[in-house]
Amino acid sequence: SVYEYSHWCMHLPMTRRRLVERWMVAFRFLN
């Protein structure tokens, strides 16, 4: 589930960051 949601957020960024982008410490690295 994290795979699907993170992958979605990577390819479809929003101007207002989503929860995974704010709280997932490693999101920038994984992106």
ModelCIF file with pLDDT and N, C-alpha, C, O atoms, coordinates in Angstrom:
data_MODEL
#
_entry.id   MODEL 
#
_entity.id                         1 
_entity.type                       polymer 
_entity.pdbx_number_of_molecules   1 
#
_entity_poly.entity_id                      1 
_entity_poly.type                           'polypeptide(L)' 
_entity_poly.nstd_linkage                   no 
_entity_poly.nstd_monomer                   no 
_entity_poly.pdbx_seq_one_letter_code       SVYEYSHWCMHLPMTRRRLVERWMVAFRFLN 
_entity_poly.pdbx_seq_one_letter_code_can   SVYEYSHWCMHLPMTRRRLVERWMVAFRFLN 
_entity_poly.pdbx_strand_id                 A 
#
loop_
_entity_poly_seq.entity_id 
_entity_poly_seq.num 
_entity_poly_seq.mon_id 
_entity_poly_seq.hetero 
1 1  SER n 
1 2  VAL n 
1 3  TYR n 
1 4  GLU n 
1 5  TYR n 
1 6  SER n 
1 7  HIS n 
1 8  TRP n 
1 9  CYS n 
1 10 MET n 
1 11 HIS n 
1 12 LEU n 
1 13 PRO n 
1 14 MET n 
1 15 THR n 
1 16 ARG n 
1 17 ARG n 
1 18 ARG n 
1 19 LEU n 
1 20 VAL n 
1 21 GLU n 
1 22 ARG n 
1 23 TRP n 
1 24 MET n 
1 25 VAL n 
1 26 ALA n 
1 27 PHE n 
1 28 ARG n 
1 29 PHE n 
1 30 LEU n 
1 31 ASN n 
#
_struct_asym.id          A 
_struct_asym.entity_id   1 
#
loop_
_ma_qa_metric.id 
_ma_qa_metric.mode 
_ma_qa_metric.name 
_ma_qa_metric.software_group_id 
_ma_qa_metric.type 
1 global pLDDT . pLDDT 
2 local  pLDDT . pLDDT 
#
_ma_qa_metric_global.metric_id      1 
_ma_qa_metric_global.metric_value   85.00 
_ma_qa_metric_global.model_id       1 
_ma_qa_metric_global.ordinal_id     1 
#
loop_
_ma_qa_metric_local.label_asym_id 
_ma_qa_metric_local.label_comp_id 
_ma_qa_metric_local.label_seq_id 
_ma_qa_metric_local.metric_id 
_ma_qa_metric_local.metric_value 
_ma_qa_metric_local.model_id 
_ma_qa_metric_local.ordinal_id 
A SER 1  2 94.00 1 1  
A VAL 2  2 92.00 1 2  
A TYR 3  2 94.00 1 3  
A GLU 4  2 94.00 1 4  
A TYR 5  2 92.00 1 5  
A SER 6  2 92.00 1 6  
A HIS 7  2 95.00 1 7  
A TRP 8  2 94.00 1 8  
A CYS 9  2 93.00 1 9  
A MET 10 2 95.00 1 10 
A HIS 11 2 96.00 1 11 
A LEU 12 2 93.00 1 12 
A PRO 13 2 89.00 1 13 
A MET 14 2 81.00 1 14 
A THR 15 2 67.00 1 15 
A ARG 16 2 71.00 1 16 
A ARG 17 2 73.00 1 17 
A ARG 18 2 81.00 1 18 
A LEU 19 2 77.00 1 19 
A VAL 20 2 76.00 1 20 
A GLU 21 2 80.00 1 21 
A ARG 22 2 73.00 1 22 
A TRP 23 2 69.00 1 23 
A MET 24 2 67.00 1 24 
A VAL 25 2 63.00 1 25 
A ALA 26 2 82.00 1 26 
A PHE 27 2 89.00 1 27 
A ARG 28 2 90.00 1 28 
A PHE 29 2 93.00 1 29 
A LEU 30 2 95.00 1 30 
A ASN 31 2 95.00 1 31 
#
loop_
_atom_site.group_PDB 
_atom_site.id 
_atom_site.type_symbol 
_atom_site.label_atom_id 
_atom_site.label_alt_id 
_atom_site.label_comp_id 
_atom_site.label_asym_id 
_atom_site.label_entity_id 
_atom_site.label_seq_id 
_atom_site.pdbx_PDB_ins_code 
_atom_site.Cartn_x 
_atom_site.Cartn_y 
_atom_site.Cartn_z 
_atom_site.occupancy 
_atom_site.B_iso_or_equiv 
_atom_site.pdbx_formal_charge 
_atom_site.auth_seq_id 
_atom_site.auth_comp_id 
_atom_site.auth_asym_id 
_atom_site.auth_atom_id 
_atom_site.pdbx_PDB_model_num 
ATOM 1   N N  . SER A 1 1  ? 0.844  -1.202 0.000   1.00 94.00 ? 1  SER A N  1 
ATOM 2   C CA . SER A 1 1  ? 0.000  0.000  0.000   1.00 94.00 ? 1  SER A CA 1 
ATOM 3   C C  . SER A 1 1  ? 0.880  1.253  0.000   1.00 94.00 ? 1  SER A C  1 
ATOM 4   O O  . SER A 1 1  ? 0.600  2.223  -0.705  1.00 94.00 ? 1  SER A O  1 
ATOM 5   N N  . VAL A 1 2  ? 1.948  1.216  0.801   1.00 92.00 ? 2  VAL A N  1 
ATOM 6   C CA . VAL A 1 2  ? 2.900  2.333  0.825   1.00 92.00 ? 2  VAL A CA 1 
ATOM 7   C C  . VAL A 1 2  ? 3.565  2.464  -0.546  1.00 92.00 ? 2  VAL A C  1 
ATOM 8   O O  . VAL A 1 2  ? 3.782  3.576  -1.028  1.00 92.00 ? 2  VAL A O  1 
ATOM 9   N N  . TYR A 1 3  ? 3.886  1.337  -1.170  1.00 94.00 ? 3  TYR A N  1 
ATOM 10  C CA . TYR A 1 3  ? 4.460  1.356  -2.521  1.00 94.00 ? 3  TYR A CA 1 
ATOM 11  C C  . TYR A 1 3  ? 3.538  2.114  -3.469  1.00 94.00 ? 3  TYR A C  1 
ATOM 12  O O  . TYR A 1 3  ? 3.969  3.050  -4.143  1.00 94.00 ? 3  TYR A O  1 
ATOM 13  N N  . GLU A 1 4  ? 2.284  1.715  -3.520  1.00 94.00 ? 4  GLU A N  1 
ATOM 14  C CA . GLU A 1 4  ? 1.337  2.330  -4.459  1.00 94.00 ? 4  GLU A CA 1 
ATOM 15  C C  . GLU A 1 4  ? 1.155  3.819  -4.188  1.00 94.00 ? 4  GLU A C  1 
ATOM 16  O O  . GLU A 1 4  ? 1.202  4.636  -5.107  1.00 94.00 ? 4  GLU A O  1 
ATOM 17  N N  . TYR A 1 5  ? 0.947  4.166  -2.916  1.00 92.00 ? 5  TYR A N  1 
ATOM 18  C CA . TYR A 1 5  ? 0.669  5.564  -2.582  1.00 92.00 ? 5  TYR A CA 1 
ATOM 19  C C  . TYR A 1 5  ? 1.909  6.442  -2.782  1.00 92.00 ? 5  TYR A C  1 
ATOM 20  O O  . TYR A 1 5  ? 1.807  7.544  -3.321  1.00 92.00 ? 5  TYR A O  1 
ATOM 21  N N  . SER A 1 6  ? 3.069  5.960  -2.352  1.00 92.00 ? 6  SER A N  1 
ATOM 22  C CA . SER A 1 6  ? 4.306  6.740  -2.526  1.00 92.00 ? 6  SER A CA 1 
ATOM 23  C C  . SER A 1 6  ? 4.603  6.946  -4.007  1.00 92.00 ? 6  SER A C  1 
ATOM 24  O O  . SER A 1 6  ? 4.961  8.045  -4.431  1.00 92.00 ? 6  SER A O  1 
ATOM 25  N N  . HIS A 1 7  ? 4.452  5.882  -4.788  1.00 95.00 ? 7  HIS A N  1 
ATOM 26  C CA . HIS A 1 7  ? 4.709  5.965  -6.220  1.00 95.00 ? 7  HIS A CA 1 
ATOM 27  C C  . HIS A 1 7  ? 3.757  6.967  -6.879  1.00 95.00 ? 7  HIS A C  1 
ATOM 28  O O  . HIS A 1 7  ? 4.161  7.733  -7.754  1.00 95.00 ? 7  HIS A O  1 
ATOM 29  N N  . TRP A 1 8  ? 2.515  6.958  -6.461  1.00 94.00 ? 8  TRP A N  1 
ATOM 30  C CA . TRP A 1 8  ? 1.519  7.921  -6.953  1.00 94.00 ? 8  TRP A CA 1 
ATOM 31  C C  . TRP A 1 8  ? 1.968  9.350  -6.630  1.00 94.00 ? 8  TRP A C  1 
ATOM 32  O O  . TRP A 1 8  ? 1.943  10.226 -7.495  1.00 94.00 ? 8  TRP A O  1 
ATOM 33  N N  . CYS A 1 9  ? 2.378  9.574  -5.383  1.00 93.00 ? 9  CYS A N  1 
ATOM 34  C CA . CYS A 1 9  ? 2.807  10.913 -4.952  1.00 93.00 ? 9  CYS A CA 1 
ATOM 35  C C  . CYS A 1 9  ? 4.074  11.370 -5.674  1.00 93.00 ? 9  CYS A C  1 
ATOM 36  O O  . CYS A 1 9  ? 4.239  12.561 -5.936  1.00 93.00 ? 9  CYS A O  1 
ATOM 37  N N  . MET A 1 10 ? 4.956  10.447 -5.994  1.00 95.00 ? 10 MET A N  1 
ATOM 38  C CA . MET A 1 10 ? 6.187  10.799 -6.705  1.00 95.00 ? 10 MET A CA 1 
ATOM 39  C C  . MET A 1 10 ? 5.891  11.333 -8.105  1.00 95.00 ? 10 MET A C  1 
ATOM 40  O O  . MET A 1 10 ? 6.481  12.319 -8.545  1.00 95.00 ? 10 MET A O  1 
ATOM 41  N N  . HIS A 1 11 ? 4.974  10.668 -8.791  1.00 96.00 ? 11 HIS A N  1 
ATOM 42  C CA . HIS A 1 11 ? 4.687  11.053 -10.171 1.00 96.00 ? 11 HIS A CA 1 
ATOM 43  C C  . HIS A 1 11 ? 3.590  12.109 -10.287 1.00 96.00 ? 11 HIS A C  1 
ATOM 44  O O  . HIS A 1 11 ? 3.425  12.703 -11.353 1.00 96.00 ? 11 HIS A O  1 
ATOM 45  N N  . LEU A 1 12 ? 2.850  12.351 -9.232  1.00 93.00 ? 12 LEU A N  1 
ATOM 46  C CA . LEU A 1 12 ? 1.769  13.327 -9.271  1.00 93.00 ? 12 LEU A CA 1 
ATOM 47  C C  . LEU A 1 12 ? 1.864  14.242 -8.046  1.00 93.00 ? 12 LEU A C  1 
ATOM 48  O O  . LEU A 1 12 ? 1.014  14.179 -7.158  1.00 93.00 ? 12 LEU A O  1 
ATOM 49  N N  . PRO A 1 13 ? 2.898  15.093 -7.997  1.00 89.00 ? 13 PRO A N  1 
ATOM 50  C CA . PRO A 1 13 ? 3.063  15.965 -6.827  1.00 89.00 ? 13 PRO A CA 1 
ATOM 51  C C  . PRO A 1 13 ? 1.961  17.024 -6.762  1.00 89.00 ? 13 PRO A C  1 
ATOM 52  O O  . PRO A 1 13 ? 1.387  17.415 -7.779  1.00 89.00 ? 13 PRO A O  1 
ATOM 53  N N  . MET A 1 14 ? 1.686  17.471 -5.543  1.00 81.00 ? 14 MET A N  1 
ATOM 54  C CA . MET A 1 14 ? 0.694  18.540 -5.335  1.00 81.00 ? 14 MET A CA 1 
ATOM 55  C C  . MET A 1 14 ? 1.411  19.754 -4.770  1.00 81.00 ? 14 MET A C  1 
ATOM 56  O O  . MET A 1 14 ? 2.485  19.636 -4.180  1.00 81.00 ? 14 MET A O  1 
ATOM 57  N N  . THR A 1 15 ? 0.808  20.918 -4.957  1.00 67.00 ? 15 THR A N  1 
ATOM 58  C CA . THR A 1 15 ? 1.404  22.122 -4.383  1.00 67.00 ? 15 THR A CA 1 
ATOM 59  C C  . THR A 1 15 ? 1.310  22.076 -2.858  1.00 67.00 ? 15 THR A C  1 
ATOM 60  O O  . THR A 1 15 ? 2.212  22.543 -2.163  1.00 67.00 ? 15 THR A O  1 
ATOM 61  N N  . ARG A 1 16 ? 0.220  21.515 -2.342  1.00 71.00 ? 16 ARG A N  1 
ATOM 62  C CA . ARG A 1 16 ? 0.087  21.300 -0.898  1.00 71.00 ? 16 ARG A CA 1 
ATOM 63  C C  . ARG A 1 16 ? 0.509  19.876 -0.594  1.00 71.00 ? 16 ARG A C  1 
ATOM 64  O O  . ARG A 1 16 ? -0.127 18.927 -1.053  1.00 71.00 ? 16 ARG A O  1 
ATOM 65  N N  . ARG A 1 17 ? 1.567  19.718 0.168   1.00 73.00 ? 17 ARG A N  1 
ATOM 66  C CA . ARG A 1 17 ? 2.112  18.380 0.388   1.00 73.00 ? 17 ARG A CA 1 
ATOM 67  C C  . ARG A 1 17 ? 1.123  17.455 1.086   1.00 73.00 ? 17 ARG A C  1 
ATOM 68  O O  . ARG A 1 17 ? 0.398  17.866 1.992   1.00 73.00 ? 17 ARG A O  1 
ATOM 69  N N  . ARG A 1 18 ? 1.107  16.197 0.648   1.00 81.00 ? 18 ARG A N  1 
ATOM 70  C CA . ARG A 1 18 ? 0.275  15.170 1.248   1.00 81.00 ? 18 ARG A CA 1 
ATOM 71  C C  . ARG A 1 18 ? 0.940  14.640 2.518   1.00 81.00 ? 18 ARG A C  1 
ATOM 72  O O  . ARG A 1 18 ? 2.094  14.952 2.809   1.00 81.00 ? 18 ARG A O  1 
ATOM 73  N N  . LEU A 1 19 ? 0.201  13.849 3.251   1.00 77.00 ? 19 LEU A N  1 
ATOM 74  C CA . LEU A 1 19 ? 0.697  13.289 4.507   1.00 77.00 ? 19 LEU A CA 1 
ATOM 75  C C  . LEU A 1 19 ? 2.005  12.525 4.310   1.00 77.00 ? 19 LEU A C  1 
ATOM 76  O O  . LEU A 1 19 ? 2.952  12.712 5.075   1.00 77.00 ? 19 LEU A O  1 
ATOM 77  N N  . VAL A 1 20 ? 2.065  11.675 3.298   1.00 76.00 ? 20 VAL A N  1 
ATOM 78  C CA . VAL A 1 20 ? 3.275  10.884 3.088   1.00 76.00 ? 20 VAL A CA 1 
ATOM 79  C C  . VAL A 1 20 ? 4.472  11.792 2.798   1.00 76.00 ? 20 VAL A C  1 
ATOM 80  O O  . VAL A 1 20 ? 5.596  11.480 3.190   1.00 76.00 ? 20 VAL A O  1 
ATOM 81  N N  . GLU A 1 21 ? 4.240  12.888 2.128   1.00 80.00 ? 21 GLU A N  1 
ATOM 82  C CA . GLU A 1 21 ? 5.332  13.817 1.815   1.00 80.00 ? 21 GLU A CA 1 
ATOM 83  C C  . GLU A 1 21 ? 5.757  14.612 3.043   1.00 80.00 ? 21 GLU A C  1 
ATOM 84  O O  . GLU A 1 21 ? 6.914  15.022 3.140   1.00 80.00 ? 21 GLU A O  1 
ATOM 85  N N  . ARG A 1 22 ? 4.849  14.833 3.974   1.00 73.00 ? 22 ARG A N  1 
ATOM 86  C CA . ARG A 1 22 ? 5.182  15.591 5.178   1.00 73.00 ? 22 ARG A CA 1 
ATOM 87  C C  . ARG A 1 22 ? 5.778  14.729 6.277   1.00 73.00 ? 22 ARG A C  1 
ATOM 88  O O  . ARG A 1 22 ? 6.703  15.151 6.972   1.00 73.00 ? 22 ARG A O  1 
ATOM 89  N N  . TRP A 1 23 ? 5.246  13.515 6.436   1.00 69.00 ? 23 TRP A N  1 
ATOM 90  C CA . TRP A 1 23 ? 5.627  12.693 7.577   1.00 69.00 ? 23 TRP A CA 1 
ATOM 91  C C  . TRP A 1 23 ? 6.608  11.587 7.244   1.00 69.00 ? 23 TRP A C  1 
ATOM 92  O O  . TRP A 1 23 ? 7.310  11.105 8.132   1.00 69.00 ? 23 TRP A O  1 
ATOM 93  N N  . MET A 1 24 ? 6.673  11.184 6.023   1.00 67.00 ? 24 MET A N  1 
ATOM 94  C CA . MET A 1 24 ? 7.615  10.133 5.655   1.00 67.00 ? 24 MET A CA 1 
ATOM 95  C C  . MET A 1 24 ? 8.982  10.773 5.477   1.00 67.00 ? 24 MET A C  1 
ATOM 96  O O  . MET A 1 24 ? 9.268  11.386 4.448   1.00 67.00 ? 24 MET A O  1 
ATOM 97  N N  . VAL A 1 25 ? 9.821  10.622 6.494   1.00 63.00 ? 25 VAL A N  1 
ATOM 98  C CA . VAL A 1 25 ? 11.124 11.287 6.535   1.00 63.00 ? 25 VAL A CA 1 
ATOM 99  C C  . VAL A 1 25 ? 11.932 10.994 5.270   1.00 63.00 ? 25 VAL A C  1 
ATOM 100 O O  . VAL A 1 25 ? 12.656 11.862 4.783   1.00 63.00 ? 25 VAL A O  1 
ATOM 101 N N  . ALA A 1 26 ? 11.816 9.809  4.753   1.00 82.00 ? 26 ALA A N  1 
ATOM 102 C CA . ALA A 1 26 ? 12.636 9.386  3.621   1.00 82.00 ? 26 ALA A CA 1 
ATOM 103 C C  . ALA A 1 26 ? 12.018 9.699  2.266   1.00 82.00 ? 26 ALA A C  1 
ATOM 104 O O  . ALA A 1 26 ? 12.590 9.322  1.243   1.00 82.00 ? 26 ALA A O  1 
ATOM 105 N N  . PHE A 1 27 ? 10.862 10.378 2.217   1.00 89.00 ? 27 PHE A N  1 
ATOM 106 C CA . PHE A 1 27 ? 10.189 10.560 0.926   1.00 89.00 ? 27 PHE A CA 1 
ATOM 107 C C  . PHE A 1 27 ? 11.077 11.250 -0.104  1.00 89.00 ? 27 PHE A C  1 
ATOM 108 O O  . PHE A 1 27 ? 11.141 10.812 -1.252  1.00 89.00 ? 27 PHE A O  1 
ATOM 109 N N  . ARG A 1 28 ? 11.761 12.323 0.288   1.00 90.00 ? 28 ARG A N  1 
ATOM 110 C CA . ARG A 1 28 ? 12.631 13.027 -0.669  1.00 90.00 ? 28 ARG A CA 1 
ATOM 111 C C  . ARG A 1 28 ? 13.726 12.110 -1.197  1.00 90.00 ? 28 ARG A C  1 
ATOM 112 O O  . ARG A 1 28 ? 14.011 12.095 -2.394  1.00 90.00 ? 28 ARG A O  1 
ATOM 113 N N  . PHE A 1 29 ? 14.337 11.345 -0.295  1.00 93.00 ? 29 PHE A N  1 
ATOM 114 C CA . PHE A 1 29 ? 15.374 10.404 -0.720  1.00 93.00 ? 29 PHE A CA 1 
ATOM 115 C C  . PHE A 1 29 ? 14.796 9.365  -1.689  1.00 93.00 ? 29 PHE A C  1 
ATOM 116 O O  . PHE A 1 29 ? 15.379 9.096  -2.739  1.00 93.00 ? 29 PHE A O  1 
ATOM 117 N N  . LEU A 1 30 ? 13.647 8.787  -1.327  1.00 95.00 ? 30 LEU A N  1 
ATOM 118 C CA . LEU A 1 30 ? 13.029 7.767  -2.177  1.00 95.00 ? 30 LEU A CA 1 
ATOM 119 C C  . LEU A 1 30 ? 12.581 8.344  -3.522  1.00 95.00 ? 30 LEU A C  1 
ATOM 120 O O  . LEU A 1 30 ? 12.629 7.657  -4.542  1.00 95.00 ? 30 LEU A O  1 
ATOM 121 N N  . ASN A 1 31 ? 12.154 9.585  -3.520  1.00 95.00 ? 31 ASN A N  1 
ATOM 122 C CA . ASN A 1 31 ? 11.771 10.238 -4.778  1.00 95.00 ? 31 ASN A CA 1 
ATOM 123 C C  . ASN A 1 31 ? 12.992 10.367 -5.699  1.00 95.00 ? 31 ASN A C  1 
ATOM 124 O O  . ASN A 1 31 ? 12.878 10.890 -6.807  1.00 95.00 ? 31 ASN A O  1 
#
